[in-house]
Amino acid sequence: MLLTIAAPVFAQEGGTASAASSVEYHKWSIIAGAFSLGFAAALCALSQGKAVSAACDGIARNPGASAQIRFALIFGLVLIESLAIYVLLINLIIFFVRWGAH
């Protein structure tokens, strides 16, 4: 997703990377990273809300299975949250790339 947002930056005129173009790459990588992280955080929040709601419904219908439902809920929340952490990690890697050094 990040590369599709930043694609117009890479479609600019070719040549060597000057100081101005490295600043442009850096600026667009920050903007694309902000959009991708916001999108991932919003979808993770929606997914976590739906998971908690479904777990509450399941426990209300069958209180005897609360331990199994709680385990599945926590495991699912960990996997959902890891997606947002992966997006953050990718954004940090792209953010710290030295654009003019390549």
PDB file of N, CA and C in Angstrom:
ATOM      1  N   MET A   1       0.829  -1.175   0.000  1.00  0.00           N
ATOM      2  CA  MET A   1       0.000   0.000   0.000  1.00  0.00           C
ATOM      3  C   MET A   1       0.882   1.249   0.000  1.00  0.00           C
ATOM      4  N   LEU A   2       1.939   1.189   0.768  1.00  0.00           N
ATOM      5  CA  LEU A   2       2.821   2.344   0.868  1.00  0.00           C
ATOM      6  C   LEU A   2       3.440   2.681  -0.478  1.00  0.00           C
ATOM      7  N   LEU A   3       3.816   1.672  -1.230  1.00  0.00           N
ATOM      8  CA  LEU A   3       4.437   1.927  -2.526  1.00  0.00           C
ATOM      9  C   LEU A   3       3.440   2.454  -3.544  1.00  0.00           C
ATOM     10  N   THR A   4       2.174   2.077  -3.436  1.00  0.00           N
ATOM     11  CA  THR A   4       1.187   2.602  -4.379  1.00  0.00           C
ATOM     12  C   THR A   4       0.897   4.065  -4.116  1.00  0.00           C
ATOM     13  N   ILE A   5       0.967   4.482  -2.869  1.00  0.00           N
ATOM     14  CA  ILE A   5       0.752   5.892  -2.554  1.00  0.00           C
ATOM     15  C   ILE A   5       1.956   6.721  -2.989  1.00  0.00           C
ATOM     16  N   ALA A   6       3.145   6.162  -2.836  1.00  0.00           N
ATOM     17  CA  ALA A   6       4.365   6.893  -3.159  1.00  0.00           C
ATOM     18  C   ALA A   6       4.792   6.721  -4.611  1.00  0.00           C
ATOM     19  N   ALA A   7       4.017   6.025  -5.426  1.00  0.00           N
ATOM     20  CA  ALA A   7       4.397   5.759  -6.816  1.00  0.00           C
ATOM     21  C   ALA A   7       4.626   7.019  -7.644  1.00  0.00           C
ATOM     22  N   PRO A   8       3.824   8.096  -7.503  1.00  0.00           N
ATOM     23  CA  PRO A   8       4.102   9.291  -8.304  1.00  0.00           C
ATOM     24  C   PRO A   8       5.480   9.899  -8.041  1.00  0.00           C
ATOM     25  N   VAL A   9       6.009   9.693  -6.867  1.00  0.00           N
ATOM     26  CA  VAL A   9       7.335  10.223  -6.559  1.00  0.00           C
ATOM     27  C   VAL A   9       8.385   9.537  -7.422  1.00  0.00           C
ATOM     28  N   PHE A  10       8.247   8.237  -7.615  1.00  0.00           N
ATOM     29  CA  PHE A  10       9.228   7.482  -8.379  1.00  0.00           C
ATOM     30  C   PHE A  10       9.033   7.648  -9.881  1.00  0.00           C
ATOM     31  N   ALA A  11       7.947   8.275 -10.299  1.00  0.00           N
ATOM     32  CA  ALA A  11       7.687   8.502 -11.717  1.00  0.00           C
ATOM     33  C   ALA A  11       8.236   9.844 -12.184  1.00  0.00           C
ATOM     34  N   GLN A  12       8.913  10.564 -11.319  1.00  0.00           N
ATOM     35  CA  GLN A  12       9.486  11.853 -11.682  1.00  0.00           C
ATOM     36  C   GLN A  12      10.638  11.641 -12.652  1.00  0.00           C
ATOM     37  N   GLU A  13      11.192  12.734 -13.127  1.00  0.00           N
ATOM     38  CA  GLU A  13      12.295  12.650 -14.085  1.00  0.00           C
ATOM     39  C   GLU A  13      13.462  11.879 -13.495  1.00  0.00           C
ATOM     40  N   GLY A  14      14.137  11.123 -14.362  1.00  0.00           N
ATOM     41  CA  GLY A  14      15.253  10.299 -13.918  1.00  0.00           C
ATOM     42  C   GLY A  14      16.509  11.119 -13.716  1.00  0.00           C
ATOM     43  N   GLY A  15      17.592  10.439 -13.553  1.00  0.00           N
ATOM     44  CA  GLY A  15      18.869  11.102 -13.342  1.00  0.00           C
ATOM     45  C   GLY A  15      19.389  10.792 -11.953  1.00  0.00           C
ATOM     46  N   THR A  16      20.438  11.492 -11.593  1.00  0.00           N
ATOM     47  CA  THR A  16      20.999  11.271 -10.277  1.00  0.00           C
ATOM     48  C   THR A  16      20.145  11.958  -9.232  1.00  0.00           C
ATOM     49  N   ALA A  17      20.188  11.422  -8.060  1.00  0.00           N
ATOM     50  CA  ALA A  17      19.399  11.982  -6.966  1.00  0.00           C
ATOM     51  C   ALA A  17      20.124  13.195  -6.402  1.00  0.00           C
ATOM     52  N   SER A  18      19.570  14.349  -6.625  1.00  0.00           N
ATOM     53  CA  SER A  18      20.162  15.562  -6.074  1.00  0.00           C
ATOM     54  C   SER A  18      19.627  15.774  -4.667  1.00  0.00           C
ATOM     55  N   ALA A  19      20.094  16.839  -4.033  1.00  0.00           N
ATOM     56  CA  ALA A  19      19.641  17.136  -2.677  1.00  0.00           C
ATOM     57  C   ALA A  19      18.160  17.469  -2.661  1.00  0.00           C
ATOM     58  N   ALA A  20      17.689  18.165  -3.699  1.00  0.00           N
ATOM     59  CA  ALA A  20      16.270  18.527  -3.746  1.00  0.00           C
ATOM     60  C   ALA A  20      15.396  17.298  -3.938  1.00  0.00           C
ATOM     61  N   SER A  21      15.831  16.370  -4.793  1.00  0.00           N
ATOM     62  CA  SER A  21      15.007  15.182  -5.014  1.00  0.00           C
ATOM     63  C   SER A  21      15.019  14.263  -3.796  1.00  0.00           C
ATOM     64  N   SER A  22      16.133  14.213  -3.064  1.00  0.00           N
ATOM     65  CA  SER A  22      16.148  13.386  -1.860  1.00  0.00           C
ATOM     66  C   SER A  22      15.233  13.965  -0.792  1.00  0.00           C
ATOM     67  N   VAL A  23      15.124  15.299  -0.754  1.00  0.00           N
ATOM     68  CA  VAL A  23      14.180  15.925   0.171  1.00  0.00           C
ATOM     69  C   VAL A  23      12.754  15.593  -0.245  1.00  0.00           C
ATOM     70  N   GLU A  24      12.493  15.600  -1.551  1.00  0.00           N
ATOM     71  CA  GLU A  24      11.158  15.243  -2.045  1.00  0.00           C
ATOM     72  C   GLU A  24      10.830  13.786  -1.716  1.00  0.00           C
ATOM     73  N   TYR A  25      11.786  12.878  -1.920  1.00  0.00           N
ATOM     74  CA  TYR A  25      11.553  11.473  -1.588  1.00  0.00           C
ATOM     75  C   TYR A  25      11.253  11.326  -0.103  1.00  0.00           C
ATOM     76  N   HIS A  26      12.031  12.021   0.710  1.00  0.00           N
ATOM     77  CA  HIS A  26      11.843  11.946   2.154  1.00  0.00           C
ATOM     78  C   HIS A  26      10.471  12.489   2.539  1.00  0.00           C
ATOM     79  N   LYS A  27      10.081  13.609   1.944  1.00  0.00           N
ATOM     80  CA  LYS A  27       8.778  14.214   2.250  1.00  0.00           C
ATOM     81  C   LYS A  27       7.642  13.278   1.862  1.00  0.00           C
ATOM     82  N   TRP A  28       7.715  12.704   0.670  1.00  0.00           N
ATOM     83  CA  TRP A  28       6.647  11.818   0.221  1.00  0.00           C
ATOM     84  C   TRP A  28       6.638  10.501   0.988  1.00  0.00           C
ATOM     85  N   SER A  29       7.793  10.049   1.447  1.00  0.00           N
ATOM     86  CA  SER A  29       7.794   8.826   2.252  1.00  0.00           C
ATOM     87  C   SER A  29       7.121   9.062   3.597  1.00  0.00           C
ATOM     88  N   ILE A  30       7.278  10.257   4.161  1.00  0.00           N
ATOM     89  CA  ILE A  30       6.599  10.584   5.415  1.00  0.00           C
ATOM     90  C   ILE A  30       5.091  10.663   5.201  1.00  0.00           C
ATOM     91  N   ILE A  31       4.673  11.302   4.115  1.00  0.00           N
ATOM     92  CA  ILE A  31       3.242  11.426   3.833  1.00  0.00           C
ATOM     93  C   ILE A  31       2.624  10.051   3.580  1.00  0.00           C
ATOM     94  N   ALA A  32       3.274   9.235   2.765  1.00  0.00           N
ATOM     95  CA  ALA A  32       2.751   7.896   2.474  1.00  0.00           C
ATOM     96  C   ALA A  32       2.737   7.028   3.726  1.00  0.00           C
ATOM     97  N   GLY A  33       3.762   7.167   4.550  1.00  0.00           N
ATOM     98  CA  GLY A  33       3.798   6.412   5.797  1.00  0.00           C
ATOM     99  C   GLY A  33       2.685   6.804   6.745  1.00  0.00           C
ATOM    100  N   ALA A  34       2.383   8.095   6.804  1.00  0.00           N
ATOM    101  CA  ALA A  34       1.296   8.552   7.669  1.00  0.00           C
ATOM    102  C   ALA A  34      -0.046   8.002   7.202  1.00  0.00           C
ATOM    103  N   PHE A  35      -0.283   8.022   5.903  1.00  0.00           N
ATOM    104  CA  PHE A  35      -1.539   7.478   5.386  1.00  0.00           C
ATOM    105  C   PHE A  35      -1.639   5.970   5.626  1.00  0.00           C
ATOM    106  N   SER A  36      -0.563   5.253   5.369  1.00  0.00           N
ATOM    107  CA  SER A  36      -0.624   3.797   5.539  1.00  0.00           C
ATOM    108  C   SER A  36      -0.782   3.409   7.003  1.00  0.00           C
ATOM    109  N   LEU A  37      -0.113   4.122   7.907  1.00  0.00           N
ATOM    110  CA  LEU A  37      -0.242   3.812   9.325  1.00  0.00           C
ATOM    111  C   LEU A  37      -1.626   4.179   9.840  1.00  0.00           C
ATOM    112  N   GLY A  38      -2.168   5.293   9.371  1.00  0.00           N
ATOM    113  CA  GLY A  38      -3.527   5.659   9.759  1.00  0.00           C
ATOM    114  C   GLY A  38      -4.552   4.657   9.266  1.00  0.00           C
ATOM    115  N   PHE A  39      -4.380   4.194   8.035  1.00  0.00           N
ATOM    116  CA  PHE A  39      -5.286   3.203   7.460  1.00  0.00           C
ATOM    117  C   PHE A  39      -5.199   1.890   8.237  1.00  0.00           C
ATOM    118  N   ALA A  40      -3.988   1.447   8.543  1.00  0.00           N
ATOM    119  CA  ALA A  40      -3.811   0.196   9.286  1.00  0.00           C
ATOM    120  C   ALA A  40      -4.367   0.310  10.700  1.00  0.00           C
ATOM    121  N   ALA A  41      -4.144   1.454  11.356  1.00  0.00           N
ATOM    122  CA  ALA A  41      -4.651   1.632  12.716  1.00  0.00           C
ATOM    123  C   ALA A  41      -6.174   1.647  12.740  1.00  0.00           C
ATOM    124  N   ALA A  42      -6.787   2.292  11.750  1.00  0.00           N
ATOM    125  CA  ALA A  42      -8.248   2.341  11.702  1.00  0.00           C
ATOM    126  C   ALA A  42      -8.836   0.950  11.479  1.00  0.00           C
ATOM    127  N   LEU A  43      -8.266   0.198  10.552  1.00  0.00           N
ATOM    128  CA  LEU A  43      -8.787  -1.148  10.295  1.00  0.00           C
ATOM    129  C   LEU A  43      -8.531  -2.092  11.467  1.00  0.00           C
ATOM    130  N   CYS A  44      -7.396  -1.937  12.130  1.00  0.00           N
ATOM    131  CA  CYS A  44      -7.131  -2.766  13.308  1.00  0.00           C
ATOM    132  C   CYS A  44      -8.101  -2.440  14.435  1.00  0.00           C
ATOM    133  N   ALA A  45      -8.419  -1.166  14.618  1.00  0.00           N
ATOM    134  CA  ALA A  45      -9.369  -0.782  15.659  1.00  0.00           C
ATOM    135  C   ALA A  45     -10.756  -1.345  15.367  1.00  0.00           C
ATOM    136  N   LEU A  46     -11.179  -1.282  14.114  1.00  0.00           N
ATOM    137  CA  LEU A  46     -12.475  -1.862  13.754  1.00  0.00           C
ATOM    138  C   LEU A  46     -12.486  -3.377  13.964  1.00  0.00           C
ATOM    139  N   SER A  47     -11.414  -4.027  13.584  1.00  0.00           N
ATOM    140  CA  SER A  47     -11.329  -5.484  13.745  1.00  0.00           C
ATOM    141  C   SER A  47     -11.316  -5.887  15.213  1.00  0.00           C
ATOM    142  N   GLN A  48     -10.592  -5.139  16.028  1.00  0.00           N
ATOM    143  CA  GLN A  48     -10.546  -5.455  17.449  1.00  0.00           C
ATOM    144  C   GLN A  48     -11.903  -5.233  18.106  1.00  0.00           C
ATOM    145  N   GLY A  49     -12.602  -4.179  17.716  1.00  0.00           N
ATOM    146  CA  GLY A  49     -13.936  -3.938  18.258  1.00  0.00           C
ATOM    147  C   GLY A  49     -14.897  -5.052  17.901  1.00  0.00           C
ATOM    148  N   LYS A  50     -14.828  -5.517  16.664  1.00  0.00           N
ATOM    149  CA  LYS A  50     -15.706  -6.621  16.240  1.00  0.00           C
ATOM    150  C   LYS A  50     -15.348  -7.911  16.976  1.00  0.00           C
ATOM    151  N   ALA A  51     -14.067  -8.163  17.191  1.00  0.00           N
ATOM    152  CA  ALA A  51     -13.643  -9.374  17.894  1.00  0.00           C
ATOM    153  C   ALA A  51     -14.107  -9.365  19.346  1.00  0.00           C
ATOM    154  N   VAL A  52     -13.969  -8.233  20.016  1.00  0.00           N
ATOM    155  CA  VAL A  52     -14.402  -8.137  21.412  1.00  0.00           C
ATOM    156  C   VAL A  52     -15.916  -8.279  21.508  1.00  0.00           C
ATOM    157  N   SER A  53     -16.633  -7.661  20.579  1.00  0.00           N
ATOM    158  CA  SER A  53     -18.089  -7.771  20.569  1.00  0.00           C
ATOM    159  C   SER A  53     -18.533  -9.217  20.370  1.00  0.00           C
ATOM    160  N   ALA A  54     -17.899  -9.908  19.439  1.00  0.00           N
ATOM    161  CA  ALA A  54     -18.254 -11.309  19.197  1.00  0.00           C
ATOM    162  C   ALA A  54     -17.908 -12.184  20.399  1.00  0.00           C
ATOM    163  N   ALA A  55     -16.803 -11.890  21.066  1.00  0.00           N
ATOM    164  CA  ALA A  55     -16.430 -12.666  22.250  1.00  0.00           C
ATOM    165  C   ALA A  55     -17.418 -12.435  23.389  1.00  0.00           C
ATOM    166  N   CYS A  56     -17.849 -11.205  23.565  1.00  0.00           N
ATOM    167  CA  CYS A  56     -18.848 -10.917  24.605  1.00  0.00           C
ATOM    168  C   CYS A  56     -20.163 -11.630  24.309  1.00  0.00           C
ATOM    169  N   ASP A  57     -20.571 -11.651  23.058  1.00  0.00           N
ATOM    170  CA  ASP A  57     -21.788 -12.372  22.675  1.00  0.00           C
ATOM    171  C   ASP A  57     -21.634 -13.872  22.932  1.00  0.00           C
ATOM    172  N   GLY A  58     -20.476 -14.410  22.595  1.00  0.00           N
ATOM    173  CA  GLY A  58     -20.238 -15.835  22.805  1.00  0.00           C
ATOM    174  C   GLY A  58     -20.236 -16.213  24.271  1.00  0.00           C
ATOM    175  N   ILE A  59     -19.630 -15.389  25.109  1.00  0.00           N
ATOM    176  CA  ILE A  59     -19.602 -15.672  26.543  1.00  0.00           C
ATOM    177  C   ILE A  59     -20.996 -15.520  27.140  1.00  0.00           C
ATOM    178  N   ALA A  60     -21.773 -14.550  26.655  1.00  0.00           N
ATOM    179  CA  ALA A  60     -23.135 -14.369  27.163  1.00  0.00           C
ATOM    180  C   ALA A  60     -24.023 -15.557  26.798  1.00  0.00           C
ATOM    181  N   ARG A  61     -23.802 -16.146  25.629  1.00  0.00           N
ATOM    182  CA  ARG A  61     -24.624 -17.289  25.211  1.00  0.00           C
ATOM    183  C   ARG A  61     -24.183 -18.591  25.865  1.00  0.00           C
ATOM    184  N   ASN A  62     -22.893 -18.724  26.117  1.00  0.00           N
ATOM    185  CA  ASN A  62     -22.370 -19.962  26.688  1.00  0.00           C
ATOM    186  C   ASN A  62     -21.302 -19.624  27.724  1.00  0.00           C
ATOM    187  N   PRO A  63     -21.706 -19.323  28.963  1.00  0.00           N
ATOM    188  CA  PRO A  63     -20.714 -18.946  29.988  1.00  0.00           C
ATOM    189  C   PRO A  63     -19.726 -20.063  30.319  1.00  0.00           C
ATOM    190  N   GLY A  64     -20.079 -21.292  30.061  1.00  0.00           N
ATOM    191  CA  GLY A  64     -19.179 -22.407  30.353  1.00  0.00           C
ATOM    192  C   GLY A  64     -17.959 -22.435  29.450  1.00  0.00           C
ATOM    193  N   ALA A  65     -18.054 -21.820  28.305  1.00  0.00           N
ATOM    194  CA  ALA A  65     -16.936 -21.812  27.353  1.00  0.00           C
ATOM    195  C   ALA A  65     -16.134 -20.521  27.429  1.00  0.00           C
ATOM    196  N   SER A  66     -16.249 -19.807  28.531  1.00  0.00           N
ATOM    197  CA  SER A  66     -15.586 -18.496  28.611  1.00  0.00           C
ATOM    198  C   SER A  66     -14.063 -18.601  28.552  1.00  0.00           C
ATOM    199  N   ALA A  67     -13.493 -19.670  29.099  1.00  0.00           N
ATOM    200  CA  ALA A  67     -12.025 -19.801  29.073  1.00  0.00           C
ATOM    201  C   ALA A  67     -11.516 -19.983  27.643  1.00  0.00           C
ATOM    202  N   GLN A  68     -12.191 -20.823  26.872  1.00  0.00           N
ATOM    203  CA  GLN A  68     -11.773 -21.042  25.487  1.00  0.00           C
ATOM    204  C   GLN A  68     -12.013 -19.802  24.637  1.00  0.00           C
ATOM    205  N   ILE A  69     -13.123 -19.125  24.880  1.00  0.00           N
ATOM    206  CA  ILE A  69     -13.423 -17.904  24.118  1.00  0.00           C
ATOM    207  C   ILE A  69     -12.421 -16.813  24.459  1.00  0.00           C
ATOM    208  N   ARG A  70     -12.071 -16.699  25.741  1.00  0.00           N
ATOM    209  CA  ARG A  70     -11.106 -15.685  26.163  1.00  0.00           C
ATOM    210  C   ARG A  70      -9.738 -15.937  25.532  1.00  0.00           C
ATOM    211  N   PHE A  71      -9.318 -17.202  25.486  1.00  0.00           N
ATOM    212  CA  PHE A  71      -8.033 -17.529  24.856  1.00  0.00           C
ATOM    213  C   PHE A  71      -8.048 -17.174  23.371  1.00  0.00           C
ATOM    214  N   ALA A  72      -9.121 -17.555  22.686  1.00  0.00           N
ATOM    215  CA  ALA A  72      -9.220 -17.246  21.257  1.00  0.00           C
ATOM    216  C   ALA A  72      -9.266 -15.743  21.028  1.00  0.00           C
ATOM    217  N   LEU A  73      -9.935 -15.012  21.921  1.00  0.00           N
ATOM    218  CA  LEU A  73     -10.009 -13.557  21.798  1.00  0.00           C
ATOM    219  C   LEU A  73      -8.630 -12.925  21.958  1.00  0.00           C
ATOM    220  N   ILE A  74      -7.914 -13.309  22.989  1.00  0.00           N
ATOM    221  CA  ILE A  74      -6.598 -12.710  23.229  1.00  0.00           C
ATOM    222  C   ILE A  74      -5.626 -13.062  22.101  1.00  0.00           C
ATOM    223  N   PHE A  75      -5.671 -14.298  21.632  1.00  0.00           N
ATOM    224  CA  PHE A  75      -4.805 -14.702  20.523  1.00  0.00           C
ATOM    225  C   PHE A  75      -5.144 -13.913  19.260  1.00  0.00           C
ATOM    226  N   GLY A  76      -6.424 -13.737  18.985  1.00  0.00           N
ATOM    227  CA  GLY A  76      -6.846 -12.954  17.822  1.00  0.00           C
ATOM    228  C   GLY A  76      -6.451 -11.493  17.936  1.00  0.00           C
ATOM    229  N   LEU A  77      -6.586 -10.920  19.140  1.00  0.00           N
ATOM    230  CA  LEU A  77      -6.197  -9.522  19.331  1.00  0.00           C
ATOM    231  C   LEU A  77      -4.696  -9.331  19.142  1.00  0.00           C
ATOM    232  N   VAL A  78      -3.914 -10.310  19.566  1.00  0.00           N
ATOM    233  CA  VAL A  78      -2.460 -10.233  19.367  1.00  0.00           C
ATOM    234  C   VAL A  78      -2.129 -10.236  17.877  1.00  0.00           C
ATOM    235  N   LEU A  79      -2.787 -11.102  17.118  1.00  0.00           N
ATOM    236  CA  LEU A  79      -2.522 -11.157  15.678  1.00  0.00           C
ATOM    237  C   LEU A  79      -2.971  -9.884  14.976  1.00  0.00           C
ATOM    238  N   ILE A  80      -4.110  -9.333  15.383  1.00  0.00           N
ATOM    239  CA  ILE A  80      -4.600  -8.096  14.775  1.00  0.00           C
ATOM    240  C   ILE A  80      -3.641  -6.946  15.080  1.00  0.00           C
ATOM    241  N   GLU A  81      -3.197  -6.856  16.324  1.00  0.00           N
ATOM    242  CA  GLU A  81      -2.300  -5.763  16.705  1.00  0.00           C
ATOM    243  C   GLU A  81      -0.938  -5.909  16.034  1.00  0.00           C
ATOM    244  N   SER A  82      -0.514  -7.141  15.766  1.00  0.00           N
ATOM    245  CA  SER A  82       0.783  -7.327  15.112  1.00  0.00           C
ATOM    246  C   SER A  82       0.782  -6.740  13.702  1.00  0.00           C
ATOM    247  N   LEU A  83      -0.365  -6.709  13.043  1.00  0.00           N
ATOM    248  CA  LEU A  83      -0.424  -6.110  11.709  1.00  0.00           C
ATOM    249  C   LEU A  83      -0.095  -4.622  11.767  1.00  0.00           C
ATOM    250  N   ALA A  84      -0.637  -3.922  12.761  1.00  0.00           N
ATOM    251  CA  ALA A  84      -0.329  -2.496  12.905  1.00  0.00           C
ATOM    252  C   ALA A  84       1.144  -2.291  13.257  1.00  0.00           C
ATOM    253  N   ILE A  85       1.694  -3.181  14.051  1.00  0.00           N
ATOM    254  CA  ILE A  85       3.111  -3.067  14.413  1.00  0.00           C
ATOM    255  C   ILE A  85       3.996  -3.312  13.193  1.00  0.00           C
ATOM    256  N   TYR A  86       3.616  -4.247  12.326  1.00  0.00           N
ATOM    257  CA  TYR A  86       4.385  -4.489  11.100  1.00  0.00           C
ATOM    258  C   TYR A  86       4.364  -3.271  10.188  1.00  0.00           C
ATOM    259  N   VAL A  87       3.212  -2.624  10.072  1.00  0.00           N
ATOM    260  CA  VAL A  87       3.129  -1.410   9.247  1.00  0.00           C
ATOM    261  C   VAL A  87       4.018  -0.321   9.840  1.00  0.00           C
ATOM    262  N   LEU A  88       4.012  -0.174  11.159  1.00  0.00           N
ATOM    263  CA  LEU A  88       4.876   0.811  11.808  1.00  0.00           C
ATOM    264  C   LEU A  88       6.346   0.489  11.549  1.00  0.00           C
ATOM    265  N   LEU A  89       6.725  -0.768  11.634  1.00  0.00           N
ATOM    266  CA  LEU A  89       8.112  -1.164  11.397  1.00  0.00           C
ATOM    267  C   LEU A  89       8.538  -0.862   9.964  1.00  0.00           C
ATOM    268  N   ILE A  90       7.688  -1.173   9.001  1.00  0.00           N
ATOM    269  CA  ILE A  90       8.001  -0.880   7.600  1.00  0.00           C
ATOM    270  C   ILE A  90       8.121   0.620   7.384  1.00  0.00           C
ATOM    271  N   ASN A  91       7.239   1.402   8.008  1.00  0.00           N
ATOM    272  CA  ASN A  91       7.317   2.856   7.880  1.00  0.00           C
ATOM    273  C   ASN A  91       8.604   3.404   8.480  1.00  0.00           C
ATOM    274  N   LEU A  92       9.028   2.865   9.608  1.00  0.00           N
ATOM    275  CA  LEU A  92      10.280   3.329  10.205  1.00  0.00           C
ATOM    276  C   LEU A  92      11.475   2.989   9.322  1.00  0.00           C
ATOM    277  N   ILE A  93      11.465   1.820   8.716  1.00  0.00           N
ATOM    278  CA  ILE A  93      12.556   1.450   7.809  1.00  0.00           C
ATOM    279  C   ILE A  93      12.602   2.398   6.622  1.00  0.00           C
ATOM    280  N   ILE A  94      11.452   2.674   6.023  1.00  0.00           N
ATOM    281  CA  ILE A  94      11.402   3.583   4.872  1.00  0.00           C
ATOM    282  C   ILE A  94      11.755   5.005   5.287  1.00  0.00           C
ATOM    283  N   PHE A  95      11.346   5.405   6.484  1.00  0.00           N
ATOM    284  CA  PHE A  95      11.626   6.753   6.963  1.00  0.00           C
ATOM    285  C   PHE A  95      13.123   7.000   7.132  1.00  0.00           C
ATOM    286  N   PHE A  96      13.862   5.991   7.566  1.00  0.00           N
ATOM    287  CA  PHE A  96      15.282   6.180   7.832  1.00  0.00           C
ATOM    288  C   PHE A  96      16.183   5.821   6.654  1.00  0.00           C
ATOM    289  N   VAL A  97      15.612   5.583   5.481  1.00  0.00           N
ATOM    290  CA  VAL A  97      16.421   5.347   4.283  1.00  0.00           C
ATOM    291  C   VAL A  97      17.093   6.656   3.888  1.00  0.00           C
ATOM    292  N   ARG A  98      18.364   6.594   3.569  1.00  0.00           N
ATOM    293  CA  ARG A  98      19.064   7.790   3.094  1.00  0.00           C
ATOM    294  C   ARG A  98      18.867   7.861   1.593  1.00  0.00           C
ATOM    295  N   TRP A  99      17.927   8.704   1.153  1.00  0.00           N
ATOM    296  CA  TRP A  99      17.504   8.719  -0.239  1.00  0.00           C
ATOM    297  C   TRP A  99      18.602   9.205  -1.183  1.00  0.00           C
ATOM    298  N   GLY A 100      19.420  10.135  -0.784  1.00  0.00           N
ATOM    299  CA  GLY A 100      20.433  10.669  -1.676  1.00  0.00           C
ATOM    300  C   GLY A 100      21.700   9.841  -1.739  1.00  0.00           C
ATOM    301  N   ALA A 101      21.860   8.843  -0.879  1.00  0.00           N
ATOM    302  CA  ALA A 101      23.106   8.086  -0.798  1.00  0.00           C
ATOM    303  C   ALA A 101      23.166   6.921  -1.776  1.00  0.00           C
ATOM    304  N   HIS A 102      22.116   6.624  -2.476  1.00  0.00           N
ATOM    305  CA  HIS A 102      22.088   5.433  -3.341  1.00  0.00           C
ATOM    306  C   HIS A 102      22.423   5.770  -4.755  1.00  0.00           C
TER     307      HIS A 102
END
